[in-house]
Amino acid sequence: MTRHLTLLCALALAACGSTSGRGERPAKALTTEEEASEMAALATAGSPLLDQRLPSTDFVLFDQEGFPFPLAEQEGSWLVLHFFPESDTPDCACDATAFTGHLWRFNDMDAEVACVTSAPRDRTLRYAKKYGLQSPLLSDVDLAVASAYGAVSASGELVRTTFLLDPELRIAARWDDVKSNEHVEDILETLAVVRK
């Protein structure tokens, strides 16, 4: 219980930070590896749903068009926040297109989708055009936001991780080491359950 309270306090403090972008303060990555493991451990056995919803870390990143994406402005709707590494590989193509192909289904459930990658903005723009992305592709070059969410491996690499944030921007569910082409249906099913 004490460990869970410590984790909640750390995440609440992390929510006060903001991340890099032009002129913004860098995010303070308060989520340590141990805290990220505890967050994952809070998930109900066999389910991505957390036993208790945790506050998300606030941030501002820039999308492929150069527009700011402040997390705070997403309050009021569900948000799927998907982290994936930078590379133009078949797996990343699945990351890029899986969500776009089902975006209307997310929108029908009052949910938005934003993907976060380590690519700089010029590459995210090329990538978005190449795959016809319709949702924001956010550039997190220094991995400050990914680190704050516990989506970085011990070796410092971005790991495919997805979070479902509720309309109050609390983390309702978490999926680790995912493959998007198999993963979108899981998110949609979970979203249908938690919205009831």
C-alpha atoms as a PDB file:
ATOM      1  CA  MET A   1       0.000   0.000   0.000  1.00  0.00           C
ATOM      2  CA  THR A   2       2.801   2.426   0.917  1.00  0.00           C
ATOM      3  CA  ARG A   3       4.597   1.629  -2.358  1.00  0.00           C
ATOM      4  CA  HIS A   4       1.410   2.366  -4.310  1.00  0.00           C
ATOM      5  CA  LEU A   5       0.997   5.703  -2.514  1.00  0.00           C
ATOM      6  CA  THR A   6       4.626   6.564  -3.282  1.00  0.00           C
ATOM      7  CA  LEU A   7       4.025   5.780  -6.956  1.00  0.00           C
ATOM      8  CA  LEU A   8       0.869   7.891  -7.030  1.00  0.00           C
ATOM      9  CA  CYS A   9       2.685  10.838  -5.445  1.00  0.00           C
ATOM     10  CA  ALA A  10       5.557  10.580  -7.923  1.00  0.00           C
ATOM     11  CA  LEU A  11       3.164  10.469 -10.860  1.00  0.00           C
ATOM     12  CA  ALA A  12       1.168  13.398  -9.492  1.00  0.00           C
ATOM     13  CA  LEU A  13       4.377  15.431  -9.252  1.00  0.00           C
ATOM     14  CA  ALA A  14       5.326  14.375 -12.774  1.00  0.00           C
ATOM     15  CA  ALA A  15       2.011  15.714 -14.028  1.00  0.00           C
ATOM     16  CA  CYS A  16       3.192  19.218 -13.132  1.00  0.00           C
ATOM     17  CA  GLY A  17       6.015  19.018 -15.702  1.00  0.00           C
ATOM     18  CA  SER A  18       5.861  19.771 -19.398  1.00  0.00           C
ATOM     19  CA  THR A  19       8.096  18.647 -22.174  1.00  0.00           C
ATOM     20  CA  SER A  20      10.339  19.915 -24.806  1.00  0.00           C
ATOM     21  CA  GLY A  21       9.178  21.850 -27.746  1.00  0.00           C
ATOM     22  CA  ARG A  22      10.143  25.252 -28.955  1.00  0.00           C
ATOM     23  CA  GLY A  23      10.618  27.331 -25.845  1.00  0.00           C
ATOM     24  CA  GLU A  24       8.856  24.921 -23.460  1.00  0.00           C
ATOM     25  CA  ARG A  25      10.390  23.591 -20.267  1.00  0.00           C
ATOM     26  CA  PRO A  26      11.697  20.040 -20.683  1.00  0.00           C
ATOM     27  CA  ALA A  27       9.608  17.339 -19.026  1.00  0.00           C
ATOM     28  CA  LYS A  28      10.929  16.054 -15.771  1.00  0.00           C
ATOM     29  CA  ALA A  29      10.938  12.286 -16.140  1.00  0.00           C
ATOM     30  CA  LEU A  30       9.941  11.208 -12.644  1.00  0.00           C
ATOM     31  CA  THR A  31       8.768   7.717 -13.583  1.00  0.00           C
ATOM     32  CA  THR A  32      11.676   5.436 -12.732  1.00  0.00           C
ATOM     33  CA  GLU A  33      12.002   1.893 -14.039  1.00  0.00           C
ATOM     34  CA  GLU A  34      10.788   0.557 -10.695  1.00  0.00           C
ATOM     35  CA  GLU A  35       7.754   2.889 -10.744  1.00  0.00           C
ATOM     36  CA  ALA A  36       6.952   1.873 -14.327  1.00  0.00           C
ATOM     37  CA  SER A  37       7.084  -1.802 -13.270  1.00  0.00           C
ATOM     38  CA  GLU A  38       4.771  -1.056 -10.357  1.00  0.00           C
ATOM     39  CA  MET A  39       2.387   0.761 -12.688  1.00  0.00           C
ATOM     40  CA  ALA A  40       2.296  -2.301 -14.937  1.00  0.00           C
ATOM     41  CA  ALA A  41       1.823  -4.520 -11.857  1.00  0.00           C
ATOM     42  CA  LEU A  42      -1.289  -2.546 -10.927  1.00  0.00           C
ATOM     43  CA  ALA A  43      -2.981  -3.955 -14.015  1.00  0.00           C
ATOM     44  CA  THR A  44      -5.616  -6.564 -13.292  1.00  0.00           C
ATOM     45  CA  ALA A  45      -4.342 -10.076 -14.079  1.00  0.00           C
ATOM     46  CA  GLY A  46      -4.914 -10.845 -17.761  1.00  0.00           C
ATOM     47  CA  SER A  47      -6.204  -7.332 -18.437  1.00  0.00           C
ATOM     48  CA  PRO A  48      -4.537  -4.050 -19.408  1.00  0.00           C
ATOM     49  CA  LEU A  49      -6.871  -2.160 -17.051  1.00  0.00           C
ATOM     50  CA  LEU A  50      -5.239  -0.645 -13.996  1.00  0.00           C
ATOM     51  CA  ASP A  51      -6.794  -1.388 -10.617  1.00  0.00           C
ATOM     52  CA  GLN A  52      -6.726   2.348  -9.946  1.00  0.00           C
ATOM     53  CA  ARG A  53      -6.465   5.134 -12.486  1.00  0.00           C
ATOM     54  CA  LEU A  54      -3.221   7.070 -12.248  1.00  0.00           C
ATOM     55  CA  PRO A  55      -2.557  10.688 -13.220  1.00  0.00           C
ATOM     56  CA  SER A  56      -0.782  11.057 -16.555  1.00  0.00           C
ATOM     57  CA  THR A  57       2.324  13.175 -17.047  1.00  0.00           C
ATOM     58  CA  ASP A  58       1.517  16.467 -18.773  1.00  0.00           C
ATOM     59  CA  PHE A  59       3.453  17.400 -21.917  1.00  0.00           C
ATOM     60  CA  VAL A  60       3.526  19.504 -25.060  1.00  0.00           C
ATOM     61  CA  LEU A  61       4.992  17.891 -28.190  1.00  0.00           C
ATOM     62  CA  PHE A  62       4.866  18.971 -31.826  1.00  0.00           C
ATOM     63  CA  ASP A  63       3.085  16.982 -34.529  1.00  0.00           C
ATOM     64  CA  GLN A  64       4.176  16.263 -38.099  1.00  0.00           C
ATOM     65  CA  GLU A  65       2.798  19.610 -39.312  1.00  0.00           C
ATOM     66  CA  GLY A  66       4.636  21.566 -36.617  1.00  0.00           C
ATOM     67  CA  PHE A  67       1.536  22.255 -34.514  1.00  0.00           C
ATOM     68  CA  PRO A  68       1.800  21.945 -30.726  1.00  0.00           C
ATOM     69  CA  PHE A  69      -0.057  19.069 -29.100  1.00  0.00           C
ATOM     70  CA  PRO A  70      -0.639  19.968 -25.428  1.00  0.00           C
ATOM     71  CA  LEU A  71      -1.934  16.957 -23.530  1.00  0.00           C
ATOM     72  CA  ALA A  72      -4.031  19.259 -21.327  1.00  0.00           C
ATOM     73  CA  GLU A  73      -6.168  20.195 -24.352  1.00  0.00           C
ATOM     74  CA  GLN A  74      -7.274  16.562 -24.723  1.00  0.00           C
ATOM     75  CA  GLU A  75      -9.212  16.710 -21.463  1.00  0.00           C
ATOM     76  CA  GLY A  76     -12.858  15.754 -21.971  1.00  0.00           C
ATOM     77  CA  SER A  77     -12.329  12.849 -24.369  1.00  0.00           C
ATOM     78  CA  TRP A  78     -10.606   9.477 -24.234  1.00  0.00           C
ATOM     79  CA  LEU A  79      -7.075   9.384 -25.642  1.00  0.00           C
ATOM     80  CA  VAL A  80      -5.048   6.476 -26.962  1.00  0.00           C
ATOM     81  CA  LEU A  81      -1.378   7.398 -26.552  1.00  0.00           C
ATOM     82  CA  HIS A  82       0.851   5.010 -28.492  1.00  0.00           C
ATOM     83  CA  PHE A  83       4.662   5.069 -28.290  1.00  0.00           C
ATOM     84  CA  PHE A  84       6.723   3.415 -31.033  1.00  0.00           C
ATOM     85  CA  PRO A  85      10.379   3.589 -32.108  1.00  0.00           C
ATOM     86  CA  GLU A  86      11.592   5.564 -35.096  1.00  0.00           C
ATOM     87  CA  SER A  87      12.239   3.430 -38.162  1.00  0.00           C
ATOM     88  CA  ASP A  88      10.652   2.817 -41.517  1.00  0.00           C
ATOM     89  CA  THR A  89      10.189  -0.932 -41.069  1.00  0.00           C
ATOM     90  CA  PRO A  90       7.167  -3.194 -41.667  1.00  0.00           C
ATOM     91  CA  ASP A  91       6.403  -3.160 -37.911  1.00  0.00           C
ATOM     92  CA  CYS A  92       6.447   0.625 -37.848  1.00  0.00           C
ATOM     93  CA  ALA A  93       4.276   0.727 -40.961  1.00  0.00           C
ATOM     94  CA  CYS A  94       1.753  -1.345 -38.983  1.00  0.00           C
ATOM     95  CA  ASP A  95       2.026   1.145 -36.118  1.00  0.00           C
ATOM     96  CA  ALA A  96       1.365   3.969 -38.524  1.00  0.00           C
ATOM     97  CA  THR A  97      -1.524   2.499 -40.462  1.00  0.00           C
ATOM     98  CA  ALA A  98      -3.322   0.315 -37.905  1.00  0.00           C
ATOM     99  CA  PHE A  99      -4.691   3.258 -35.970  1.00  0.00           C
ATOM    100  CA  THR A 100      -5.485   5.325 -39.083  1.00  0.00           C
ATOM    101  CA  GLY A 101      -7.461   2.445 -40.572  1.00  0.00           C
ATOM    102  CA  HIS A 102      -9.679   2.294 -37.473  1.00  0.00           C
ATOM    103  CA  LEU A 103      -9.707   5.962 -36.517  1.00  0.00           C
ATOM    104  CA  TRP A 104     -13.437   6.285 -37.251  1.00  0.00           C
ATOM    105  CA  ARG A 105     -14.151   3.531 -34.720  1.00  0.00           C
ATOM    106  CA  PHE A 106     -12.172   5.353 -32.032  1.00  0.00           C
ATOM    107  CA  ASN A 107     -13.924   8.621 -32.890  1.00  0.00           C
ATOM    108  CA  ASP A 108     -17.318   6.886 -32.627  1.00  0.00           C
ATOM    109  CA  MET A 109     -16.388   6.097 -29.016  1.00  0.00           C
ATOM    110  CA  ASP A 110     -15.320   9.674 -28.198  1.00  0.00           C
ATOM    111  CA  ALA A 111     -11.643   8.754 -28.404  1.00  0.00           C
ATOM    112  CA  GLU A 112      -8.665  10.367 -30.105  1.00  0.00           C
ATOM    113  CA  VAL A 113      -5.388   8.701 -31.067  1.00  0.00           C
ATOM    114  CA  ALA A 114      -1.902  10.220 -30.861  1.00  0.00           C
ATOM    115  CA  CYS A 115       1.321   8.368 -31.674  1.00  0.00           C
ATOM    116  CA  VAL A 116       4.687   9.344 -30.195  1.00  0.00           C
ATOM    117  CA  THR A 117       8.002   8.482 -31.844  1.00  0.00           C
ATOM    118  CA  SER A 118      11.646   9.414 -31.430  1.00  0.00           C
ATOM    119  CA  ALA A 119      11.869  10.771 -34.989  1.00  0.00           C
ATOM    120  CA  PRO A 120      12.482  14.500 -35.510  1.00  0.00           C
ATOM    121  CA  ARG A 121       9.602  16.467 -37.027  1.00  0.00           C
ATOM    122  CA  ASP A 122      10.905  16.546 -40.616  1.00  0.00           C
ATOM    123  CA  ARG A 123      10.944  12.745 -40.656  1.00  0.00           C
ATOM    124  CA  THR A 124       7.537  12.449 -38.989  1.00  0.00           C
ATOM    125  CA  LEU A 125       6.112  14.620 -41.789  1.00  0.00           C
ATOM    126  CA  ARG A 126       7.584  12.369 -44.508  1.00  0.00           C
ATOM    127  CA  TYR A 127       6.406   9.299 -42.610  1.00  0.00           C
ATOM    128  CA  ALA A 128       2.878  10.690 -42.161  1.00  0.00           C
ATOM    129  CA  LYS A 129       2.624  11.526 -45.868  1.00  0.00           C
ATOM    130  CA  LYS A 130       4.015   8.155 -46.930  1.00  0.00           C
ATOM    131  CA  TYR A 131       1.442   6.212 -44.902  1.00  0.00           C
ATOM    132  CA  GLY A 132      -1.452   8.685 -45.067  1.00  0.00           C
ATOM    133  CA  LEU A 133      -1.649   9.164 -41.296  1.00  0.00           C
ATOM    134  CA  GLN A 134      -4.703  11.012 -40.051  1.00  0.00           C
ATOM    135  CA  SER A 135      -3.829  11.341 -36.368  1.00  0.00           C
ATOM    136  CA  PRO A 136      -1.018  13.351 -34.757  1.00  0.00           C
ATOM    137  CA  LEU A 137       2.457  11.852 -35.006  1.00  0.00           C
ATOM    138  CA  LEU A 138       4.378  13.500 -32.172  1.00  0.00           C
ATOM    139  CA  SER A 139       8.134  13.954 -32.100  1.00  0.00           C
ATOM    140  CA  ASP A 140       9.863  13.046 -28.803  1.00  0.00           C
ATOM    141  CA  VAL A 141      13.503  13.123 -29.941  1.00  0.00           C
ATOM    142  CA  ASP A 142      15.065  13.172 -26.466  1.00  0.00           C
ATOM    143  CA  LEU A 143      12.550  10.575 -25.169  1.00  0.00           C
ATOM    144  CA  ALA A 144      11.653  12.817 -22.222  1.00  0.00           C
ATOM    145  CA  VAL A 145       7.939  12.028 -22.534  1.00  0.00           C
ATOM    146  CA  ALA A 146       8.502   8.337 -23.280  1.00  0.00           C
ATOM    147  CA  SER A 147      10.749   8.105 -20.198  1.00  0.00           C
ATOM    148  CA  ALA A 148       8.146   9.831 -18.051  1.00  0.00           C
ATOM    149  CA  TYR A 149       5.599   7.221 -19.138  1.00  0.00           C
ATOM    150  CA  GLY A 150       7.970   4.286 -18.618  1.00  0.00           C
ATOM    151  CA  ALA A 151       8.075   3.476 -22.354  1.00  0.00           C
ATOM    152  CA  VAL A 152      11.887   3.328 -22.569  1.00  0.00           C
ATOM    153  CA  SER A 153      13.922   0.146 -22.061  1.00  0.00           C
ATOM    154  CA  ALA A 154      16.881  -0.191 -19.699  1.00  0.00           C
ATOM    155  CA  SER A 155      19.130   0.232 -22.744  1.00  0.00           C
ATOM    156  CA  GLY A 156      17.500   3.583 -23.532  1.00  0.00           C
ATOM    157  CA  GLU A 157      15.362   2.514 -26.502  1.00  0.00           C
ATOM    158  CA  LEU A 158      11.730   3.414 -27.074  1.00  0.00           C
ATOM    159  CA  VAL A 159       9.490   0.387 -26.502  1.00  0.00           C
ATOM    160  CA  ARG A 160       6.104  -0.079 -28.172  1.00  0.00           C
ATOM    161  CA  THR A 161       3.739   0.832 -25.346  1.00  0.00           C
ATOM    162  CA  THR A 162       0.154   2.079 -25.411  1.00  0.00           C
ATOM    163  CA  PHE A 163      -1.822   3.965 -22.783  1.00  0.00           C
ATOM    164  CA  LEU A 164      -5.530   4.656 -22.605  1.00  0.00           C
ATOM    165  CA  LEU A 165      -6.240   7.966 -20.869  1.00  0.00           C
ATOM    166  CA  ASP A 166      -9.719   8.752 -19.592  1.00  0.00           C
ATOM    167  CA  PRO A 167     -11.461  12.139 -20.091  1.00  0.00           C
ATOM    168  CA  GLU A 168      -9.798  13.398 -16.886  1.00  0.00           C
ATOM    169  CA  LEU A 169      -6.401  12.426 -18.375  1.00  0.00           C
ATOM    170  CA  ARG A 170      -5.858   9.597 -15.895  1.00  0.00           C
ATOM    171  CA  ILE A 171      -4.234   6.381 -17.093  1.00  0.00           C
ATOM    172  CA  ALA A 172      -6.967   3.748 -17.301  1.00  0.00           C
ATOM    173  CA  ALA A 173      -5.072   1.000 -19.153  1.00  0.00           C
ATOM    174  CA  ARG A 174      -1.582   0.107 -20.325  1.00  0.00           C
ATOM    175  CA  TRP A 175      -0.273  -2.357 -22.927  1.00  0.00           C
ATOM    176  CA  ASP A 176       3.440  -3.269 -23.115  1.00  0.00           C
ATOM    177  CA  ASP A 177       5.512  -4.613 -26.037  1.00  0.00           C
ATOM    178  CA  VAL A 178       2.610  -4.465 -28.462  1.00  0.00           C
ATOM    179  CA  LYS A 179       2.195  -5.134 -32.181  1.00  0.00           C
ATOM    180  CA  SER A 180      -0.293  -2.636 -33.549  1.00  0.00           C
ATOM    181  CA  ASN A 181      -1.820  -4.870 -36.215  1.00  0.00           C
ATOM    182  CA  GLU A 182      -2.975  -7.259 -33.452  1.00  0.00           C
ATOM    183  CA  HIS A 183      -3.421  -4.577 -30.863  1.00  0.00           C
ATOM    184  CA  VAL A 184      -6.057  -2.130 -32.129  1.00  0.00           C
ATOM    185  CA  GLU A 185      -8.941  -4.550 -31.518  1.00  0.00           C
ATOM    186  CA  ASP A 186      -7.765  -5.041 -27.899  1.00  0.00           C
ATOM    187  CA  ILE A 187      -7.818  -1.285 -27.330  1.00  0.00           C
ATOM    188  CA  LEU A 188     -11.260  -0.898 -28.906  1.00  0.00           C
ATOM    189  CA  GLU A 189     -12.663  -3.747 -26.784  1.00  0.00           C
ATOM    190  CA  THR A 190     -11.173  -2.241 -23.611  1.00  0.00           C
ATOM    191  CA  LEU A 191     -12.489   1.190 -24.529  1.00  0.00           C
ATOM    192  CA  ALA A 192     -15.979  -0.231 -25.013  1.00  0.00           C
ATOM    193  CA  VAL A 193     -15.816  -1.770 -21.524  1.00  0.00           C
ATOM    194  CA  VAL A 194     -14.472   1.248 -19.635  1.00  0.00           C
ATOM    195  CA  ARG A 195     -16.868   3.715 -21.249  1.00  0.00           C
ATOM    196  CA  LYS A 196     -19.923   1.896 -19.832  1.00  0.00           C
END
